[in-house]
Amino acid sequence: MLLIQCPWCGRRDESEFSYGGEADIARPEDPDALDDTQWADYLFMRSNRKGHNREIWNHQHGCRRWFVAERDTVSYEIQATFPMGGQEQDS
């Protein structure tokens, strides 16, 4: 069982959370200027790196807030969690 540290609720079981994807993806400044290929690239193409990643998670069955988690996709170890745009805290 994986325990995830919610920045507001504390350590909880992974079943309370939902994965939101890769963090730090910049929204296009002018979405209307993108063609279909560029828009699809923004929506669907992710790096899917092996190892250390920054991800967004939602505490779906808790406070319902979004936060950032730094996680190793090989070991599943979560190194830190913190509010979106906030300070890191140990997991």
N, C-alpha and C. Protein backbone atom coordinates (compact mmCIF):
# COMPACT_ATOMS: atom_id res chain seq x y z
N MET A 1 0.85 -1.18 0.00
CA MET A 1 0.00 0.00 0.00
C MET A 1 0.89 1.24 0.00
N LEU A 2 0.58 2.17 -0.87
CA LEU A 2 1.31 3.42 -0.96
C LEU A 2 0.61 4.46 -0.11
N LEU A 3 1.36 5.14 0.73
CA LEU A 3 0.81 6.24 1.52
C LEU A 3 1.27 7.55 0.90
N ILE A 4 0.34 8.45 0.72
CA ILE A 4 0.64 9.75 0.10
C ILE A 4 0.37 10.83 1.13
N GLN A 5 1.32 11.75 1.24
CA GLN A 5 1.22 12.86 2.20
C GLN A 5 0.44 14.02 1.55
N CYS A 6 -0.82 14.19 1.94
CA CYS A 6 -1.59 15.35 1.48
C CYS A 6 -1.07 16.56 2.26
N PRO A 7 -0.78 17.67 1.59
CA PRO A 7 -0.27 18.86 2.30
C PRO A 7 -1.25 19.38 3.35
N TRP A 8 -2.53 19.07 3.23
CA TRP A 8 -3.53 19.59 4.17
C TRP A 8 -4.03 18.53 5.15
N CYS A 9 -4.17 17.28 4.71
CA CYS A 9 -4.79 16.24 5.54
C CYS A 9 -3.81 15.26 6.16
N GLY A 10 -2.57 15.30 5.72
CA GLY A 10 -1.58 14.36 6.24
C GLY A 10 -1.51 13.09 5.42
N ARG A 11 -0.84 12.08 5.98
CA ARG A 11 -0.59 10.82 5.29
C ARG A 11 -1.88 10.01 5.15
N ARG A 12 -2.19 9.61 3.90
CA ARG A 12 -3.42 8.85 3.62
C ARG A 12 -3.13 7.74 2.61
N ASP A 13 -4.02 6.77 2.55
CA ASP A 13 -3.92 5.66 1.61
C ASP A 13 -4.08 6.15 0.17
N GLU A 14 -3.34 5.54 -0.74
CA GLU A 14 -3.37 5.96 -2.14
C GLU A 14 -4.76 5.89 -2.77
N SER A 15 -5.64 5.05 -2.24
CA SER A 15 -6.99 4.91 -2.82
C SER A 15 -7.82 6.19 -2.69
N GLU A 16 -7.38 7.11 -1.84
CA GLU A 16 -8.10 8.39 -1.68
C GLU A 16 -7.73 9.41 -2.74
N PHE A 17 -6.72 9.11 -3.55
CA PHE A 17 -6.17 10.10 -4.47
C PHE A 17 -6.39 9.71 -5.93
N SER A 18 -6.35 10.70 -6.79
CA SER A 18 -6.36 10.45 -8.22
C SER A 18 -5.20 11.20 -8.86
N TYR A 19 -4.57 10.54 -9.80
CA TYR A 19 -3.42 11.08 -10.51
C TYR A 19 -3.90 12.08 -11.55
N GLY A 20 -3.24 13.24 -11.61
CA GLY A 20 -3.66 14.27 -12.54
C GLY A 20 -2.73 14.50 -13.71
N GLY A 21 -1.60 13.81 -13.72
CA GLY A 21 -0.68 13.95 -14.85
C GLY A 21 0.61 14.66 -14.48
N GLU A 22 1.38 14.90 -15.50
CA GLU A 22 2.67 15.55 -15.38
C GLU A 22 2.49 17.00 -14.93
N ALA A 23 3.31 17.44 -14.00
CA ALA A 23 3.22 18.82 -13.52
C ALA A 23 4.03 19.75 -14.43
N ASP A 24 3.81 21.02 -14.25
CA ASP A 24 4.61 22.07 -14.91
C ASP A 24 4.45 22.13 -16.42
N ILE A 25 3.29 21.75 -16.92
CA ILE A 25 3.02 21.88 -18.35
C ILE A 25 2.37 23.24 -18.58
N ALA A 26 3.04 24.06 -19.35
CA ALA A 26 2.56 25.43 -19.57
C ALA A 26 1.40 25.43 -20.58
N ARG A 27 0.33 26.08 -20.20
CA ARG A 27 -0.82 26.24 -21.10
C ARG A 27 -0.43 27.22 -22.21
N PRO A 28 -0.83 26.95 -23.45
CA PRO A 28 -0.50 27.86 -24.55
C PRO A 28 -1.07 29.26 -24.28
N GLU A 29 -0.29 30.28 -24.59
CA GLU A 29 -0.74 31.66 -24.37
C GLU A 29 -1.93 32.01 -25.24
N ASP A 30 -1.94 31.52 -26.48
CA ASP A 30 -3.04 31.81 -27.39
C ASP A 30 -3.56 30.49 -27.97
N PRO A 31 -4.42 29.78 -27.25
CA PRO A 31 -4.90 28.47 -27.72
C PRO A 31 -5.59 28.53 -29.08
N ASP A 32 -6.23 29.64 -29.39
CA ASP A 32 -6.93 29.77 -30.67
C ASP A 32 -5.98 29.79 -31.86
N ALA A 33 -4.70 30.10 -31.61
CA ALA A 33 -3.73 30.17 -32.68
C ALA A 33 -3.14 28.79 -33.02
N LEU A 34 -3.42 27.79 -32.21
CA LEU A 34 -2.86 26.46 -32.44
C LEU A 34 -3.67 25.69 -33.48
N ASP A 35 -2.96 24.95 -34.32
CA ASP A 35 -3.68 24.06 -35.23
C ASP A 35 -3.99 22.76 -34.48
N ASP A 36 -4.71 21.85 -35.11
CA ASP A 36 -5.14 20.62 -34.44
C ASP A 36 -3.97 19.78 -33.95
N THR A 37 -2.89 19.71 -34.72
CA THR A 37 -1.73 18.93 -34.33
C THR A 37 -1.06 19.52 -33.09
N GLN A 38 -0.92 20.84 -33.06
CA GLN A 38 -0.31 21.50 -31.91
C GLN A 38 -1.18 21.36 -30.66
N TRP A 39 -2.49 21.48 -30.84
CA TRP A 39 -3.41 21.35 -29.71
C TRP A 39 -3.37 19.92 -29.17
N ALA A 40 -3.37 18.93 -30.04
CA ALA A 40 -3.29 17.53 -29.61
C ALA A 40 -1.96 17.27 -28.90
N ASP A 41 -0.89 17.87 -29.37
CA ASP A 41 0.41 17.72 -28.72
C ASP A 41 0.37 18.26 -27.29
N TYR A 42 -0.24 19.43 -27.11
CA TYR A 42 -0.37 20.02 -25.77
C TYR A 42 -1.22 19.13 -24.86
N LEU A 43 -2.33 18.62 -25.37
CA LEU A 43 -3.25 17.84 -24.55
C LEU A 43 -2.76 16.44 -24.20
N PHE A 44 -2.10 15.77 -25.15
CA PHE A 44 -1.86 14.35 -24.99
C PHE A 44 -0.40 13.90 -24.90
N MET A 45 0.52 14.65 -25.42
CA MET A 45 1.90 14.19 -25.46
C MET A 45 2.62 14.54 -24.16
N ARG A 46 3.13 13.52 -23.49
CA ARG A 46 3.86 13.70 -22.24
C ARG A 46 5.19 12.98 -22.35
N SER A 47 6.14 13.39 -21.50
CA SER A 47 7.49 12.82 -21.59
C SER A 47 7.54 11.38 -21.10
N ASN A 48 6.70 11.00 -20.12
CA ASN A 48 6.64 9.63 -19.60
C ASN A 48 8.03 9.11 -19.24
N ARG A 49 8.76 9.94 -18.51
CA ARG A 49 10.13 9.60 -18.14
C ARG A 49 10.17 8.53 -17.05
N LYS A 50 11.20 7.74 -17.10
CA LYS A 50 11.47 6.75 -16.07
C LYS A 50 12.32 7.44 -14.99
N GLY A 51 11.92 7.30 -13.73
CA GLY A 51 12.69 7.91 -12.65
C GLY A 51 11.95 9.05 -11.99
N HIS A 52 12.69 10.08 -11.60
CA HIS A 52 12.14 11.21 -10.85
C HIS A 52 11.22 12.07 -11.72
N ASN A 53 10.00 12.31 -11.22
CA ASN A 53 9.01 13.12 -11.94
C ASN A 53 8.26 14.03 -10.98
N ARG A 54 7.79 15.15 -11.51
CA ARG A 54 6.87 16.03 -10.78
C ARG A 54 5.49 15.80 -11.37
N GLU A 55 4.52 15.48 -10.48
CA GLU A 55 3.18 15.13 -10.92
C GLU A 55 2.16 15.92 -10.11
N ILE A 56 0.96 16.08 -10.69
CA ILE A 56 -0.12 16.68 -9.91
C ILE A 56 -1.08 15.56 -9.49
N TRP A 57 -1.56 15.68 -8.26
CA TRP A 57 -2.47 14.70 -7.68
C TRP A 57 -3.64 15.45 -7.05
N ASN A 58 -4.76 14.76 -6.94
CA ASN A 58 -5.95 15.32 -6.30
C ASN A 58 -6.35 14.42 -5.15
N HIS A 59 -6.61 15.02 -3.99
CA HIS A 59 -7.09 14.25 -2.83
C HIS A 59 -8.60 14.10 -2.99
N GLN A 60 -8.99 13.26 -3.90
CA GLN A 60 -10.37 13.10 -4.36
C GLN A 60 -11.33 12.71 -3.23
N HIS A 61 -10.92 11.82 -2.35
CA HIS A 61 -11.80 11.35 -1.27
C HIS A 61 -11.38 11.95 0.06
N GLY A 62 -10.93 13.19 0.01
CA GLY A 62 -10.50 13.91 1.20
C GLY A 62 -10.86 15.37 1.04
N CYS A 63 -9.85 16.22 1.06
CA CYS A 63 -10.09 17.67 0.98
C CYS A 63 -10.38 18.16 -0.44
N ARG A 64 -10.19 17.28 -1.45
CA ARG A 64 -10.43 17.59 -2.87
C ARG A 64 -9.50 18.64 -3.44
N ARG A 65 -8.39 18.86 -2.81
CA ARG A 65 -7.43 19.85 -3.31
C ARG A 65 -6.37 19.19 -4.20
N TRP A 66 -5.85 19.99 -5.12
CA TRP A 66 -4.77 19.56 -6.00
C TRP A 66 -3.44 19.92 -5.36
N PHE A 67 -2.43 19.07 -5.59
CA PHE A 67 -1.08 19.35 -5.08
C PHE A 67 -0.06 18.70 -6.00
N VAL A 68 1.20 19.05 -5.78
CA VAL A 68 2.31 18.50 -6.57
C VAL A 68 3.02 17.44 -5.74
N ALA A 69 3.36 16.34 -6.38
CA ALA A 69 4.15 15.29 -5.75
C ALA A 69 5.39 15.04 -6.60
N GLU A 70 6.53 14.92 -5.93
CA GLU A 70 7.75 14.51 -6.62
C GLU A 70 7.91 13.03 -6.33
N ARG A 71 7.86 12.22 -7.40
CA ARG A 71 7.80 10.77 -7.24
C ARG A 71 8.74 10.08 -8.21
N ASP A 72 9.33 8.99 -7.75
CA ASP A 72 10.17 8.15 -8.60
C ASP A 72 9.27 7.08 -9.20
N THR A 73 9.16 7.04 -10.52
CA THR A 73 8.25 6.11 -11.18
C THR A 73 8.79 4.68 -11.21
N VAL A 74 10.05 4.49 -10.85
CA VAL A 74 10.61 3.14 -10.80
C VAL A 74 10.32 2.51 -9.44
N SER A 75 10.62 3.24 -8.37
CA SER A 75 10.45 2.69 -7.01
C SER A 75 9.10 3.08 -6.39
N TYR A 76 8.38 4.00 -7.00
CA TYR A 76 7.12 4.56 -6.49
C TYR A 76 7.32 5.42 -5.24
N GLU A 77 8.55 5.63 -4.83
CA GLU A 77 8.81 6.45 -3.64
C GLU A 77 8.45 7.90 -3.91
N ILE A 78 7.69 8.48 -2.99
CA ILE A 78 7.34 9.90 -3.10
C ILE A 78 8.32 10.68 -2.23
N GLN A 79 9.12 11.53 -2.87
CA GLN A 79 10.14 12.28 -2.14
C GLN A 79 9.55 13.49 -1.43
N ALA A 80 8.55 14.15 -2.03
CA ALA A 80 7.97 15.35 -1.43
C ALA A 80 6.60 15.62 -2.01
N THR A 81 5.76 16.30 -1.23
CA THR A 81 4.47 16.79 -1.71
C THR A 81 4.32 18.23 -1.22
N PHE A 82 3.65 19.05 -2.02
CA PHE A 82 3.45 20.44 -1.64
C PHE A 82 2.30 21.04 -2.43
N PRO A 83 1.68 22.10 -1.90
CA PRO A 83 0.58 22.74 -2.62
C PRO A 83 1.04 23.27 -3.98
N MET A 84 0.12 23.36 -4.90
CA MET A 84 0.44 23.93 -6.21
C MET A 84 1.00 25.33 -6.00
N GLY A 85 2.20 25.59 -6.51
CA GLY A 85 2.83 26.89 -6.35
C GLY A 85 3.37 27.15 -4.96
N GLY A 86 3.42 26.12 -4.10
CA GLY A 86 3.84 26.30 -2.72
C GLY A 86 5.20 25.70 -2.42
N GLN A 87 5.50 25.60 -1.16
CA GLN A 87 6.76 25.08 -0.68
C GLN A 87 6.71 23.56 -0.56
N GLU A 88 7.86 22.93 -0.74
CA GLU A 88 7.95 21.48 -0.59
C GLU A 88 7.86 21.09 0.87
N GLN A 89 7.34 19.89 1.11
CA GLN A 89 7.36 19.32 2.44
C GLN A 89 7.66 17.84 2.28
N ASP A 90 8.36 17.26 3.24
CA ASP A 90 8.71 15.84 3.15
C ASP A 90 7.47 14.99 3.16
N SER A 91 7.51 13.88 2.41
CA SER A 91 6.37 12.97 2.37
C SER A 91 6.47 11.91 3.44
